Amino acid sequence: MKNKVTIQEIADLTGKSKFAVSRALSGKPGVSEETRELIVRTAGQLGYYKRKEAKDARPAAREPKRELPSAIPTLVPASGAILVLFPSIRAQSRTSTSWSSVFDGIASRLTSCPYNVLTLTEPSGDSMFQLLNPVALKGIIVLGPVSTPNLLEMRRLGIPVVMVDHADPAFPCDIITTDHFSSMRELVVKLISKGCRRFQFVGDPGGGLSFQERRLAFRSVLEEYGLPYEQNPDLISRDSLEQVIPRVLRKDRLPDVFVCSNDDTAALVLKACKELGISIPGQVGVTGFDDSRPDAEPLLTTVHVNLEHLGARAADKMLWRIEHPGSHPEKTLVYADPVFRESV
C-alpha cells in the first residue's frame, strides 16, 4: 500500500530539522534558499506532493475504475487493419511484462475505430510478411523486444510503427514506454528515507532497455546521496539467477535491500531466502518492479505499472500517426507508482 510521506522522513533524508522542513514546504521565511531547494527537491522525489494532492481530493468509499483518456476523435473512416506484434516466445521468457494486459488496452481503443485488429507472434525464421498480406496494413504496434531485421522489414513497408517498452537505434519510430528511470528513482529514494543504506541490484541484463534504465536509476540515486555502490557482478550477469542468488546469499553479507529489476526476479530472491531460512523483512528487504506477482509471500514491495493504460496510449498514438505520417517520431513516458508492502 502507498505510504504517506512524512515531515520526519524528509528531515531524515536531508539532515535538516523538522522545523526547517516545515518552513521550507510552507514557503515561510527562516531557511536559506539552498536549504529550501534541497528540501523541496527531496520532498518531490519522495512523492510528498502527489500524496498531498491525493489527501486534498474528496475521499470516496471505493476507488472507481480509472477511465482511460479518450481516443483521437477526428479519425477519418478508412478500411484496413492494424497489426499487434507480440514478442517471440524466447523473448517473452526474458521479461515479466504481461502483454495480454497491454493488448487489452489496445483493443479497448481500437474496437470503436474502422480498422480490423490482427495479432501475430514474431516469427523466428521466414520473412514475417510472407505470413500475411501487408497491403491492407495501416500500422503495426510492436509489443516488447523485436529483432532488428524484422524492424527493417517493417521500414520497407512505409507504414506507421509504434513500439511499446522497446527501442532500437536502427529504427526511429513512436515509442510508448514506462518511465523506468523516474519510477525506480522514486522507489530507491523512499528506501533510503526508511533508513536503508546498503543495496544490491538483481536482474538479467537480457531484459533489455527496461533493465538498463532501472539499473542506471538505481545507481544514480546512490551516487546522489553519497552511498556506496558495491554491486556484486554475479547478480547482474547473464548467468542463471536461480543458481546465482542462493550462492550469493550463502557467502556474502546481506544488504539492507535487494532491489530487483522485476517481480519475477524478486520472486527468485524470496524463494531462495525462504529455503535458506533468511527472514524478510527481518534480515533483508526485497523489492520488484511491474506489480505482476500478487502470489508473492510476503507481499512484495514493487512499482505498479498500469499495463492496460500503456496499451491504450499506444493505440492513441497509432491513430494519431495514421493521420499525421510526416510528423517527427515521439517518445511518450508513462509514470509508474512505487507500492510498499510487506517485503520491506
C-alpha atoms as a PDB file:
ATOM      1  CA  MET A   1       0.000   0.000   0.000  1.00  0.00           C
ATOM      2  CA  LYS A   2       1.226   3.569  -0.665  1.00  0.00           C
ATOM      3  CA  ASN A   3       2.679   5.126   2.451  1.00  0.00           C
ATOM      4  CA  LYS A   4       2.124   8.757   3.439  1.00  0.00           C
ATOM      5  CA  VAL A   5       5.322  10.795   3.146  1.00  0.00           C
ATOM      6  CA  THR A   6       6.022  12.466   6.499  1.00  0.00           C
ATOM      7  CA  ILE A   7       7.913  15.602   7.514  1.00  0.00           C
ATOM      8  CA  GLN A   8      10.184  13.333   9.570  1.00  0.00           C
ATOM      9  CA  GLU A   9      11.145  11.256   6.519  1.00  0.00           C
ATOM     10  CA  ILE A  10      12.107  14.390   4.607  1.00  0.00           C
ATOM     11  CA  ALA A  11      14.066  15.664   7.611  1.00  0.00           C
ATOM     12  CA  ASP A  12      15.924  12.368   7.993  1.00  0.00           C
ATOM     13  CA  LEU A  13      16.875  12.246   4.332  1.00  0.00           C
ATOM     14  CA  THR A  14      18.022  15.878   4.100  1.00  0.00           C
ATOM     15  CA  GLY A  15      19.675  16.019   7.517  1.00  0.00           C
ATOM     16  CA  LYS A  16      17.601  19.091   8.417  1.00  0.00           C
ATOM     17  CA  SER A  17      15.281  19.708  11.363  1.00  0.00           C
ATOM     18  CA  LYS A  18      11.541  19.138  11.168  1.00  0.00           C
ATOM     19  CA  PHE A  19      11.144  22.858  11.811  1.00  0.00           C
ATOM     20  CA  ALA A  20      13.256  23.722   8.761  1.00  0.00           C
ATOM     21  CA  VAL A  21      11.376  21.217   6.598  1.00  0.00           C
ATOM     22  CA  SER A  22       8.007  22.611   7.684  1.00  0.00           C
ATOM     23  CA  ARG A  23       9.086  26.188   6.991  1.00  0.00           C
ATOM     24  CA  ALA A  24      10.504  25.296   3.577  1.00  0.00           C
ATOM     25  CA  LEU A  25       7.459  23.341   2.417  1.00  0.00           C
ATOM     26  CA  SER A  26       5.034  26.050   3.553  1.00  0.00           C
ATOM     27  CA  GLY A  27       7.051  28.810   1.855  1.00  0.00           C
ATOM     28  CA  LYS A  28       7.711  30.646   5.119  1.00  0.00           C
ATOM     29  CA  PRO A  29      10.950  32.519   5.907  1.00  0.00           C
ATOM     30  CA  GLY A  30      13.592  31.195   8.281  1.00  0.00           C
ATOM     31  CA  VAL A  31      15.571  28.869   5.994  1.00  0.00           C
ATOM     32  CA  SER A  32      18.210  29.638   3.375  1.00  0.00           C
ATOM     33  CA  GLU A  33      17.397  29.329  -0.315  1.00  0.00           C
ATOM     34  CA  GLU A  34      19.902  26.465  -0.602  1.00  0.00           C
ATOM     35  CA  THR A  35      18.199  24.575   2.224  1.00  0.00           C
ATOM     36  CA  ARG A  36      14.744  25.311   0.829  1.00  0.00           C
ATOM     37  CA  GLU A  37      15.758  23.995  -2.596  1.00  0.00           C
ATOM     38  CA  LEU A  38      17.196  20.806  -1.074  1.00  0.00           C
ATOM     39  CA  ILE A  39      14.068  20.159   0.990  1.00  0.00           C
ATOM     40  CA  VAL A  40      11.617  20.854  -1.837  1.00  0.00           C
ATOM     41  CA  ARG A  41      13.580  18.671  -4.273  1.00  0.00           C
ATOM     42  CA  THR A  42      13.780  15.794  -1.770  1.00  0.00           C
ATOM     43  CA  ALA A  43      10.076  16.092  -0.966  1.00  0.00           C
ATOM     44  CA  GLY A  44       9.300  15.838  -4.668  1.00  0.00           C
ATOM     45  CA  GLN A  45      11.479  12.747  -5.072  1.00  0.00           C
ATOM     46  CA  LEU A  46       9.703  11.085  -2.156  1.00  0.00           C
ATOM     47  CA  GLY A  47       6.307  11.790  -3.736  1.00  0.00           C
ATOM     48  CA  TYR A  48       5.240  14.219  -0.998  1.00  0.00           C
ATOM     49  CA  TYR A  49       3.282  16.459  -3.351  1.00  0.00           C
ATOM     50  CA  LYS A  50       1.463  13.580  -5.044  1.00  0.00           C
ATOM     51  CA  ARG A  51       0.343  12.274  -1.666  1.00  0.00           C
ATOM     52  CA  LYS A  52      -0.715  15.770  -0.635  1.00  0.00           C
ATOM     53  CA  GLU A  53      -2.888  16.107  -3.736  1.00  0.00           C
ATOM     54  CA  ALA A  54      -4.456  12.724  -3.008  1.00  0.00           C
ATOM     55  CA  LYS A  55      -5.190  13.803   0.570  1.00  0.00           C
ATOM     56  CA  ASP A  56      -6.805  17.047  -0.556  1.00  0.00           C
ATOM     57  CA  ALA A  57      -9.055  15.251  -3.027  1.00  0.00           C
ATOM     58  CA  ARG A  58     -12.567  14.308  -1.935  1.00  0.00           C
ATOM     59  CA  PRO A  59     -12.466  10.781  -0.436  1.00  0.00           C
ATOM     60  CA  ALA A  60     -14.615   8.038  -1.926  1.00  0.00           C
ATOM     61  CA  ALA A  61     -15.889   4.876  -0.339  1.00  0.00           C
ATOM     62  CA  ARG A  62     -14.363   2.857  -3.138  1.00  0.00           C
ATOM     63  CA  GLU A  63     -11.812   3.915  -5.707  1.00  0.00           C
ATOM     64  CA  PRO A  64     -13.595   3.926  -9.083  1.00  0.00           C
ATOM     65  CA  LYS A  65     -12.004   2.278 -12.057  1.00  0.00           C
ATOM     66  CA  ARG A  66      -9.943   4.893 -13.846  1.00  0.00           C
ATOM     67  CA  GLU A  67     -11.240   5.842 -17.269  1.00  0.00           C
ATOM     68  CA  LEU A  68      -8.585   5.798 -19.946  1.00  0.00           C
ATOM     69  CA  PRO A  69      -8.125   9.040 -21.907  1.00  0.00           C
ATOM     70  CA  SER A  70     -10.413   9.225 -24.905  1.00  0.00           C
ATOM     71  CA  ALA A  71      -9.066   8.283 -28.312  1.00  0.00           C
ATOM     72  CA  ILE A  72      -8.425  10.863 -31.006  1.00  0.00           C
ATOM     73  CA  PRO A  73     -11.955  11.822 -32.187  1.00  0.00           C
ATOM     74  CA  THR A  74     -11.031  13.251 -35.588  1.00  0.00           C
ATOM     75  CA  LEU A  75     -10.119   9.970 -37.279  1.00  0.00           C
ATOM     76  CA  VAL A  76     -11.276   9.748 -40.871  1.00  0.00           C
ATOM     77  CA  PRO A  77     -13.016   6.417 -41.563  1.00  0.00           C
ATOM     78  CA  ALA A  78     -10.858   4.019 -43.534  1.00  0.00           C
ATOM     79  CA  SER A  79     -10.573   0.344 -44.298  1.00  0.00           C
ATOM     80  CA  GLY A  80      -7.633  -1.897 -43.437  1.00  0.00           C
ATOM     81  CA  ALA A  81      -6.049  -3.429 -40.360  1.00  0.00           C
ATOM     82  CA  ILE A  82      -3.649  -2.653 -37.542  1.00  0.00           C
ATOM     83  CA  LEU A  83      -1.259  -5.448 -36.641  1.00  0.00           C
ATOM     84  CA  VAL A  84      -0.274  -6.046 -32.998  1.00  0.00           C
ATOM     85  CA  LEU A  85       3.041  -7.914 -32.961  1.00  0.00           C
ATOM     86  CA  PHE A  86       3.785  -9.914 -29.818  1.00  0.00           C
ATOM     87  CA  PRO A  87       7.402 -10.791 -28.916  1.00  0.00           C
ATOM     88  CA  SER A  88       8.762 -14.220 -29.758  1.00  0.00           C
ATOM     89  CA  ILE A  89       8.360 -16.991 -27.195  1.00  0.00           C
ATOM     90  CA  ARG A  90      12.095 -16.745 -26.483  1.00  0.00           C
ATOM     91  CA  ALA A  91      11.858 -13.015 -25.800  1.00  0.00           C
ATOM     92  CA  GLN A  92       8.803 -13.457 -23.602  1.00  0.00           C
ATOM     93  CA  SER A  93      10.746 -15.827 -21.360  1.00  0.00           C
ATOM     94  CA  ARG A  94      13.116 -12.957 -20.506  1.00  0.00           C
ATOM     95  CA  THR A  95      10.520 -10.462 -19.365  1.00  0.00           C
ATOM     96  CA  SER A  96       7.786 -10.370 -16.768  1.00  0.00           C
ATOM     97  CA  THR A  97       5.591  -7.967 -18.714  1.00  0.00           C
ATOM     98  CA  SER A  98       2.018  -9.187 -19.153  1.00  0.00           C
ATOM     99  CA  TRP A  99       1.474  -8.396 -22.814  1.00  0.00           C
ATOM    100  CA  SER A 100      -2.095  -9.616 -22.636  1.00  0.00           C
ATOM    101  CA  SER A 101      -2.940  -6.677 -20.350  1.00  0.00           C
ATOM    102  CA  VAL A 102      -1.249  -4.279 -22.782  1.00  0.00           C
ATOM    103  CA  PHE A 103      -3.284  -5.797 -25.603  1.00  0.00           C
ATOM    104  CA  ASP A 104      -6.497  -5.301 -23.599  1.00  0.00           C
ATOM    105  CA  GLY A 105      -5.725  -1.582 -23.528  1.00  0.00           C
ATOM    106  CA  ILE A 106      -5.049  -1.545 -27.268  1.00  0.00           C
ATOM    107  CA  ALA A 107      -8.242  -3.446 -28.029  1.00  0.00           C
ATOM    108  CA  SER A 108     -10.315  -1.134 -25.816  1.00  0.00           C
ATOM    109  CA  ARG A 109      -9.267   1.755 -28.038  1.00  0.00           C
ATOM    110  CA  LEU A 110      -9.445   0.155 -31.456  1.00  0.00           C
ATOM    111  CA  THR A 111     -12.862  -1.500 -31.117  1.00  0.00           C
ATOM    112  CA  SER A 112     -14.529   1.805 -31.960  1.00  0.00           C
ATOM    113  CA  CYS A 113     -12.280   2.643 -34.917  1.00  0.00           C
ATOM    114  CA  PRO A 114     -12.812   1.491 -38.510  1.00  0.00           C
ATOM    115  CA  TYR A 115      -9.771  -0.802 -38.573  1.00  0.00           C
ATOM    116  CA  ASN A 116      -9.595  -4.522 -38.005  1.00  0.00           C
ATOM    117  CA  VAL A 117      -7.073  -5.736 -35.397  1.00  0.00           C
ATOM    118  CA  LEU A 118      -4.693  -8.580 -36.247  1.00  0.00           C
ATOM    119  CA  THR A 119      -2.299 -10.293 -33.830  1.00  0.00           C
ATOM    120  CA  LEU A 120       0.923 -12.139 -34.596  1.00  0.00           C
ATOM    121  CA  THR A 121       3.797 -13.581 -32.590  1.00  0.00           C
ATOM    122  CA  GLU A 122       7.120 -12.560 -34.112  1.00  0.00           C
ATOM    123  CA  PRO A 123       8.321 -15.440 -36.304  1.00  0.00           C
ATOM    124  CA  SER A 124      11.909 -16.573 -35.863  1.00  0.00           C
ATOM    125  CA  GLY A 125      12.605 -17.900 -39.348  1.00  0.00           C
ATOM    126  CA  ASP A 126      10.754 -16.865 -42.507  1.00  0.00           C
ATOM    127  CA  SER A 127      10.166 -13.308 -43.545  1.00  0.00           C
ATOM    128  CA  MET A 128       7.385 -12.001 -41.325  1.00  0.00           C
ATOM    129  CA  PHE A 129       5.290 -10.630 -44.168  1.00  0.00           C
ATOM    130  CA  GLN A 130       5.270 -13.885 -46.081  1.00  0.00           C
ATOM    131  CA  LEU A 131       2.711 -14.891 -43.456  1.00  0.00           C
ATOM    132  CA  LEU A 132       0.224 -12.131 -44.239  1.00  0.00           C
ATOM    133  CA  ASN A 133      -0.751  -9.570 -46.844  1.00  0.00           C
ATOM    134  CA  PRO A 134       0.952  -6.268 -45.940  1.00  0.00           C
ATOM    135  CA  VAL A 135      -1.025  -4.223 -48.471  1.00  0.00           C
ATOM    136  CA  ALA A 136      -4.028  -3.794 -46.166  1.00  0.00           C
ATOM    137  CA  LEU A 137      -1.937  -2.908 -43.105  1.00  0.00           C
ATOM    138  CA  LYS A 138      -2.338   0.657 -41.862  1.00  0.00           C
ATOM    139  CA  GLY A 139       0.112   0.333 -38.991  1.00  0.00           C
ATOM    140  CA  ILE A 140       1.962  -2.013 -36.631  1.00  0.00           C
ATOM    141  CA  ILE A 141       2.054  -1.850 -32.825  1.00  0.00           C
ATOM    142  CA  VAL A 142       5.101  -3.762 -31.550  1.00  0.00           C
ATOM    143  CA  LEU A 143       4.962  -5.149 -28.007  1.00  0.00           C
ATOM    144  CA  GLY A 144       8.373  -5.502 -26.381  1.00  0.00           C
ATOM    145  CA  PRO A 145      11.620  -6.740 -27.965  1.00  0.00           C
ATOM    146  CA  VAL A 146      11.650  -7.483 -31.687  1.00  0.00           C
ATOM    147  CA  SER A 147      14.597  -8.333 -33.913  1.00  0.00           C
ATOM    148  CA  THR A 148      16.319  -5.572 -35.880  1.00  0.00           C
ATOM    149  CA  PRO A 149      15.907  -7.464 -39.201  1.00  0.00           C
ATOM    150  CA  ASN A 150      12.136  -7.576 -38.694  1.00  0.00           C
ATOM    151  CA  LEU A 151      12.102  -3.880 -37.830  1.00  0.00           C
ATOM    152  CA  LEU A 152      13.987  -3.084 -41.018  1.00  0.00           C
ATOM    153  CA  GLU A 153      11.457  -5.146 -42.940  1.00  0.00           C
ATOM    154  CA  MET A 154       8.699  -3.016 -41.412  1.00  0.00           C
ATOM    155  CA  ARG A 155      10.517   0.119 -42.524  1.00  0.00           C
ATOM    156  CA  ARG A 156      10.367  -1.031 -46.147  1.00  0.00           C
ATOM    157  CA  LEU A 157       6.567  -1.120 -45.879  1.00  0.00           C
ATOM    158  CA  GLY A 158       6.469   2.626 -45.235  1.00  0.00           C
ATOM    159  CA  ILE A 159       3.616   2.403 -42.701  1.00  0.00           C
ATOM    160  CA  PRO A 160       3.431   3.747 -39.119  1.00  0.00           C
ATOM    161  CA  VAL A 161       5.060   1.684 -36.366  1.00  0.00           C
ATOM    162  CA  VAL A 162       4.567   2.247 -32.629  1.00  0.00           C
ATOM    163  CA  MET A 163       6.781   0.366 -30.167  1.00  0.00           C
ATOM    164  CA  VAL A 164       5.722  -0.424 -26.604  1.00  0.00           C
ATOM    165  CA  ASP A 165       8.511  -0.707 -23.993  1.00  0.00           C
ATOM    166  CA  HIS A 166      11.243  -1.169 -26.589  1.00  0.00           C
ATOM    167  CA  ALA A 167      13.563   0.959 -28.720  1.00  0.00           C
ATOM    168  CA  ASP A 168      16.069   0.212 -31.470  1.00  0.00           C
ATOM    169  CA  PRO A 169      18.568   2.827 -32.723  1.00  0.00           C
ATOM    170  CA  ALA A 170      18.312   1.308 -36.197  1.00  0.00           C
ATOM    171  CA  PHE A 171      14.615   2.146 -36.425  1.00  0.00           C
ATOM    172  CA  PRO A 172      13.388   5.506 -35.072  1.00  0.00           C
ATOM    173  CA  CYS A 173       9.632   5.487 -34.553  1.00  0.00           C
ATOM    174  CA  ASP A 174       6.981   6.421 -31.994  1.00  0.00           C
ATOM    175  CA  ILE A 175       7.615   4.814 -28.606  1.00  0.00           C
ATOM    176  CA  ILE A 176       5.263   4.366 -25.653  1.00  0.00           C
ATOM    177  CA  THR A 177       7.145   3.179 -22.597  1.00  0.00           C
ATOM    178  CA  THR A 178       7.050   3.061 -18.829  1.00  0.00           C
ATOM    179  CA  ASP A 179       9.165   5.770 -17.209  1.00  0.00           C
ATOM    180  CA  HIS A 180      11.503   3.141 -15.780  1.00  0.00           C
ATOM    181  CA  PHE A 181      14.122   5.679 -14.717  1.00  0.00           C
ATOM    182  CA  SER A 182      11.962   8.111 -12.717  1.00  0.00           C
ATOM    183  CA  SER A 183       9.857   5.365 -11.149  1.00  0.00           C
ATOM    184  CA  MET A 184      12.901   3.381  -9.983  1.00  0.00           C
ATOM    185  CA  ARG A 185      14.486   6.571  -8.648  1.00  0.00           C
ATOM    186  CA  GLU A 186      11.430   7.281  -6.507  1.00  0.00           C
ATOM    187  CA  LEU A 187      11.447   3.725  -5.149  1.00  0.00           C
ATOM    188  CA  VAL A 188      15.128   3.884  -4.123  1.00  0.00           C
ATOM    189  CA  VAL A 189      14.824   7.380  -2.619  1.00  0.00           C
ATOM    190  CA  LYS A 190      11.956   6.140  -0.469  1.00  0.00           C
ATOM    191  CA  LEU A 191      14.002   3.130   0.647  1.00  0.00           C
ATOM    192  CA  ILE A 192      16.796   5.476   1.727  1.00  0.00           C
ATOM    193  CA  SER A 193      14.282   7.622   3.613  1.00  0.00           C
ATOM    194  CA  LYS A 194      13.276   4.498   5.554  1.00  0.00           C
ATOM    195  CA  GLY A 195      16.877   4.011   6.727  1.00  0.00           C
ATOM    196  CA  CYS A 196      18.215   1.599   4.097  1.00  0.00           C
ATOM    197  CA  ARG A 197      21.869   2.237   3.269  1.00  0.00           C
ATOM    198  CA  ARG A 198      23.285  -0.932   1.684  1.00  0.00           C
ATOM    199  CA  PHE A 199      21.806  -2.191  -1.588  1.00  0.00           C
ATOM    200  CA  GLN A 200      22.313  -4.834  -4.263  1.00  0.00           C
ATOM    201  CA  PHE A 201      20.644  -4.693  -7.660  1.00  0.00           C
ATOM    202  CA  VAL A 202      19.490  -8.034  -9.075  1.00  0.00           C
ATOM    203  CA  GLY A 203      18.490  -8.759 -12.663  1.00  0.00           C
ATOM    204  CA  ASP A 204      19.244 -10.293 -16.036  1.00  0.00           C
ATOM    205  CA  PRO A 205      20.694  -7.750 -18.491  1.00  0.00           C
ATOM    206  CA  GLY A 206      18.823  -9.678 -21.193  1.00  0.00           C
ATOM    207  CA  GLY A 207      15.791  -7.685 -20.035  1.00  0.00           C
ATOM    208  CA  GLY A 208      16.889  -5.001 -22.495  1.00  0.00           C
ATOM    209  CA  LEU A 209      16.152  -1.307 -22.251  1.00  0.00           C
ATOM    210  CA  SER A 210      13.979  -1.527 -19.149  1.00  0.00           C
ATOM    211  CA  PHE A 211      16.731  -3.349 -17.233  1.00  0.00           C
ATOM    212  CA  GLN A 212      19.344  -0.768 -18.228  1.00  0.00           C
ATOM    213  CA  GLU A 213      17.187   2.207 -17.288  1.00  0.00           C
ATOM    214  CA  ARG A 214      16.177   0.739 -13.923  1.00  0.00           C
ATOM    215  CA  ARG A 215      19.779  -0.131 -13.015  1.00  0.00           C
ATOM    216  CA  LEU A 216      21.026   3.289 -14.105  1.00  0.00           C
ATOM    217  CA  ALA A 217      18.375   4.978 -11.965  1.00  0.00           C
ATOM    218  CA  PHE A 218      19.304   2.762  -9.000  1.00  0.00           C
ATOM    219  CA  ARG A 219      22.965   3.705  -9.265  1.00  0.00           C
ATOM    220  CA  SER A 220      22.290   7.413  -9.810  1.00  0.00           C
ATOM    221  CA  VAL A 221      20.353   7.660  -6.531  1.00  0.00           C
ATOM    222  CA  LEU A 222      23.173   6.016  -4.561  1.00  0.00           C
ATOM    223  CA  GLU A 223      25.668   8.452  -6.061  1.00  0.00           C
ATOM    224  CA  GLU A 224      23.396  11.435  -5.375  1.00  0.00           C
ATOM    225  CA  TYR A 225      23.067  10.543  -1.689  1.00  0.00           C
ATOM    226  CA  GLY A 226      26.700   9.564  -1.205  1.00  0.00           C
ATOM    227  CA  LEU A 227      26.014   5.868  -0.595  1.00  0.00           C
ATOM    228  CA  PRO A 228      28.468   3.158  -1.684  1.00  0.00           C
ATOM    229  CA  TYR A 229      27.827   1.315  -4.931  1.00  0.00           C
ATOM    230  CA  GLU A 230      29.165  -2.137  -4.073  1.00  0.00           C
ATOM    231  CA  GLN A 231      27.456  -4.163  -6.766  1.00  0.00           C
ATOM    232  CA  ASN A 232      28.064  -7.905  -6.868  1.00  0.00           C
ATOM    233  CA  PRO A 233      28.605  -8.501 -10.618  1.00  0.00           C
ATOM    234  CA  ASP A 234      27.174 -12.021 -10.357  1.00  0.00           C
ATOM    235  CA  LEU A 235      23.747 -10.538  -9.582  1.00  0.00           C
ATOM    236  CA  ILE A 236      23.629  -8.606 -12.875  1.00  0.00           C
ATOM    237  CA  SER A 237      25.237 -11.214 -15.125  1.00  0.00           C
ATOM    238  CA  ARG A 238      23.675 -13.440 -17.770  1.00  0.00           C
ATOM    239  CA  ASP A 239      24.218 -16.498 -15.598  1.00  0.00           C
ATOM    240  CA  SER A 240      21.153 -18.302 -14.276  1.00  0.00           C
ATOM    241  CA  LEU A 241      19.849 -16.215 -11.381  1.00  0.00           C
ATOM    242  CA  GLU A 242      18.216 -19.310  -9.920  1.00  0.00           C
ATOM    243  CA  GLN A 243      21.719 -20.647  -9.298  1.00  0.00           C
ATOM    244  CA  VAL A 244      23.472 -17.341  -8.598  1.00  0.00           C
ATOM    245  CA  ILE A 245      21.117 -15.958  -5.941  1.00  0.00           C
ATOM    246  CA  PRO A 246      21.404 -18.866  -3.412  1.00  0.00           C
ATOM    247  CA  ARG A 247      25.193 -18.844  -3.848  1.00  0.00           C
ATOM    248  CA  VAL A 248      25.387 -15.120  -3.116  1.00  0.00           C
ATOM    249  CA  LEU A 249      23.068 -15.439  -0.110  1.00  0.00           C
ATOM    250  CA  ARG A 250      25.296 -18.135   1.392  1.00  0.00           C
ATOM    251  CA  LYS A 251      28.653 -16.391   1.053  1.00  0.00           C
ATOM    252  CA  ASP A 252      28.021 -12.611   1.006  1.00  0.00           C
ATOM    253  CA  ARG A 253      26.987 -10.189   3.704  1.00  0.00           C
ATOM    254  CA  LEU A 254      23.336  -9.340   3.272  1.00  0.00           C
ATOM    255  CA  PRO A 255      22.446  -5.815   2.089  1.00  0.00           C
ATOM    256  CA  ASP A 256      19.571  -3.894   3.605  1.00  0.00           C
ATOM    257  CA  VAL A 257      17.576  -4.425   0.404  1.00  0.00           C
ATOM    258  CA  PHE A 258      17.798  -6.459  -2.801  1.00  0.00           C
ATOM    259  CA  VAL A 259      16.397  -4.126  -5.480  1.00  0.00           C
ATOM    260  CA  CYS A 260      15.259  -6.396  -8.317  1.00  0.00           C
ATOM    261  CA  SER A 261      14.733  -5.437 -11.944  1.00  0.00           C
ATOM    262  CA  ASN A 262      11.257  -7.020 -11.994  1.00  0.00           C
ATOM    263  CA  ASP A 263       8.854  -9.027  -9.872  1.00  0.00           C
ATOM    264  CA  ASP A 264       9.840 -12.410 -11.322  1.00  0.00           C
ATOM    265  CA  THR A 265      13.442 -11.792 -10.248  1.00  0.00           C
ATOM    266  CA  ALA A 266      12.254 -10.658  -6.827  1.00  0.00           C
ATOM    267  CA  ALA A 267      10.272 -13.909  -6.532  1.00  0.00           C
ATOM    268  CA  LEU A 268      13.525 -15.857  -7.052  1.00  0.00           C
ATOM    269  CA  VAL A 269      15.132 -13.908  -4.211  1.00  0.00           C
ATOM    270  CA  LEU A 270      12.140 -14.532  -1.947  1.00  0.00           C
ATOM    271  CA  LYS A 271      12.252 -18.261  -2.735  1.00  0.00           C
ATOM    272  CA  ALA A 272      15.996 -18.547  -2.061  1.00  0.00           C
ATOM    273  CA  CYS A 273      15.715 -16.627   1.215  1.00  0.00           C
ATOM    274  CA  LYS A 274      12.894 -18.881   2.381  1.00  0.00           C
ATOM    275  CA  GLU A 275      14.899 -22.013   1.572  1.00  0.00           C
ATOM    276  CA  LEU A 276      17.926 -20.686   3.470  1.00  0.00           C
ATOM    277  CA  GLY A 277      15.930 -19.515   6.482  1.00  0.00           C
ATOM    278  CA  ILE A 278      16.564 -15.805   5.872  1.00  0.00           C
ATOM    279  CA  SER A 279      13.653 -13.739   7.178  1.00  0.00           C
ATOM    280  CA  ILE A 280      12.060 -10.999   5.078  1.00  0.00           C
ATOM    281  CA  PRO A 281      11.980  -8.178   6.019  1.00  0.00           C
ATOM    282  CA  GLY A 282      13.665  -9.067   9.306  1.00  0.00           C
ATOM    283  CA  GLN A 283      17.129  -9.734   7.849  1.00  0.00           C
ATOM    284  CA  VAL A 284      16.805  -8.277   4.374  1.00  0.00           C
ATOM    285  CA  GLY A 285      14.254  -6.420   2.256  1.00  0.00           C
ATOM    286  CA  VAL A 286      13.272  -7.269  -1.313  1.00  0.00           C
ATOM    287  CA  THR A 287      11.643  -5.074  -3.976  1.00  0.00           C
ATOM    288  CA  GLY A 288      10.455  -5.770  -7.502  1.00  0.00           C
ATOM    289  CA  PHE A 289       9.105  -3.800 -10.449  1.00  0.00           C
ATOM    290  CA  ASP A 290       5.882  -4.156 -12.511  1.00  0.00           C
ATOM    291  CA  ASP A 291       3.477  -5.461  -9.802  1.00  0.00           C
ATOM    292  CA  SER A 292       2.872  -8.783 -11.523  1.00  0.00           C
ATOM    293  CA  ARG A 293       3.267 -11.239  -8.609  1.00  0.00           C
ATOM    294  CA  PRO A 294       0.294 -10.976  -6.255  1.00  0.00           C
ATOM    295  CA  ASP A 295       1.139 -14.541  -5.185  1.00  0.00           C
ATOM    296  CA  ALA A 296       4.464 -13.495  -3.600  1.00  0.00           C
ATOM    297  CA  GLU A 297       4.975 -14.222   0.111  1.00  0.00           C
ATOM    298  CA  PRO A 298       5.477 -11.904   1.860  1.00  0.00           C
ATOM    299  CA  LEU A 299       3.546  -9.393  -0.225  1.00  0.00           C
ATOM    300  CA  LEU A 300       6.051  -7.713  -2.494  1.00  0.00           C
ATOM    301  CA  THR A 301       7.065  -4.066  -2.411  1.00  0.00           C
ATOM    302  CA  THR A 302       7.191  -3.111  -6.062  1.00  0.00           C
ATOM    303  CA  VAL A 303       6.386  -0.480  -8.707  1.00  0.00           C
ATOM    304  CA  HIS A 304       2.896  -0.683 -10.161  1.00  0.00           C
ATOM    305  CA  VAL A 305       2.783  -0.400 -13.964  1.00  0.00           C
ATOM    306  CA  ASN A 306      -0.637   0.228 -15.488  1.00  0.00           C
ATOM    307  CA  LEU A 307      -0.216  -2.068 -18.487  1.00  0.00           C
ATOM    308  CA  GLU A 308      -3.700  -1.527 -19.885  1.00  0.00           C
ATOM    309  CA  HIS A 309      -3.118   2.231 -19.922  1.00  0.00           C
ATOM    310  CA  LEU A 310       0.197   1.648 -21.697  1.00  0.00           C
ATOM    311  CA  GLY A 311      -1.667  -0.232 -24.441  1.00  0.00           C
ATOM    312  CA  ALA A 312      -4.348   2.442 -24.716  1.00  0.00           C
ATOM    313  CA  ARG A 313      -1.726   5.148 -25.190  1.00  0.00           C
ATOM    314  CA  ALA A 314      -0.041   3.061 -27.893  1.00  0.00           C
ATOM    315  CA  ALA A 315      -3.357   2.757 -29.750  1.00  0.00           C
ATOM    316  CA  ASP A 316      -3.985   6.500 -29.395  1.00  0.00           C
ATOM    317  CA  LYS A 317      -0.557   7.226 -30.826  1.00  0.00           C
ATOM    318  CA  MET A 318      -1.154   4.862 -33.753  1.00  0.00           C
ATOM    319  CA  LEU A 319      -4.476   6.530 -34.630  1.00  0.00           C
ATOM    320  CA  TRP A 320      -2.803   9.940 -34.465  1.00  0.00           C
ATOM    321  CA  ARG A 321       0.198   8.792 -36.509  1.00  0.00           C
ATOM    322  CA  ILE A 322      -2.005   7.425 -39.304  1.00  0.00           C
ATOM    323  CA  GLU A 323      -3.394  10.947 -39.712  1.00  0.00           C
ATOM    324  CA  HIS A 324      -0.006  12.679 -39.293  1.00  0.00           C
ATOM    325  CA  PRO A 325       2.523  10.477 -41.131  1.00  0.00           C
ATOM    326  CA  GLY A 326       5.054  13.272 -41.721  1.00  0.00           C
ATOM    327  CA  SER A 327       5.479  14.418 -38.123  1.00  0.00           C
ATOM    328  CA  HIS A 328       8.666  13.598 -36.193  1.00  0.00           C
ATOM    329  CA  PRO A 329       8.645  10.412 -34.068  1.00  0.00           C
ATOM    330  CA  GLU A 330       7.748  10.918 -30.409  1.00  0.00           C
ATOM    331  CA  LYS A 331       8.594   9.106 -27.181  1.00  0.00           C
ATOM    332  CA  THR A 332       5.879   9.041 -24.520  1.00  0.00           C
ATOM    333  CA  LEU A 333       6.790   8.144 -20.925  1.00  0.00           C
ATOM    334  CA  VAL A 334       4.080   6.715 -18.675  1.00  0.00           C
ATOM    335  CA  TYR A 335       4.837   7.039 -14.966  1.00  0.00           C
ATOM    336  CA  ALA A 336       4.567   4.079 -12.578  1.00  0.00           C
ATOM    337  CA  ASP A 337       3.966   4.238  -8.814  1.00  0.00           C
ATOM    338  CA  PRO A 338       6.045   2.582  -6.052  1.00  0.00           C
ATOM    339  CA  VAL A 339       3.844   0.450  -3.793  1.00  0.00           C
ATOM    340  CA  PHE A 340       5.184  -0.513  -0.351  1.00  0.00           C
ATOM    341  CA  ARG A 341       4.028  -3.813   1.075  1.00  0.00           C
ATOM    342  CA  GLU A 342       5.399  -6.450   3.484  1.00  0.00           C
ATOM    343  CA  SER A 343       8.777  -7.292   1.904  1.00  0.00           C
ATOM    344  CA  VAL A 344      10.478  -4.089   3.113  1.00  0.00           C
END
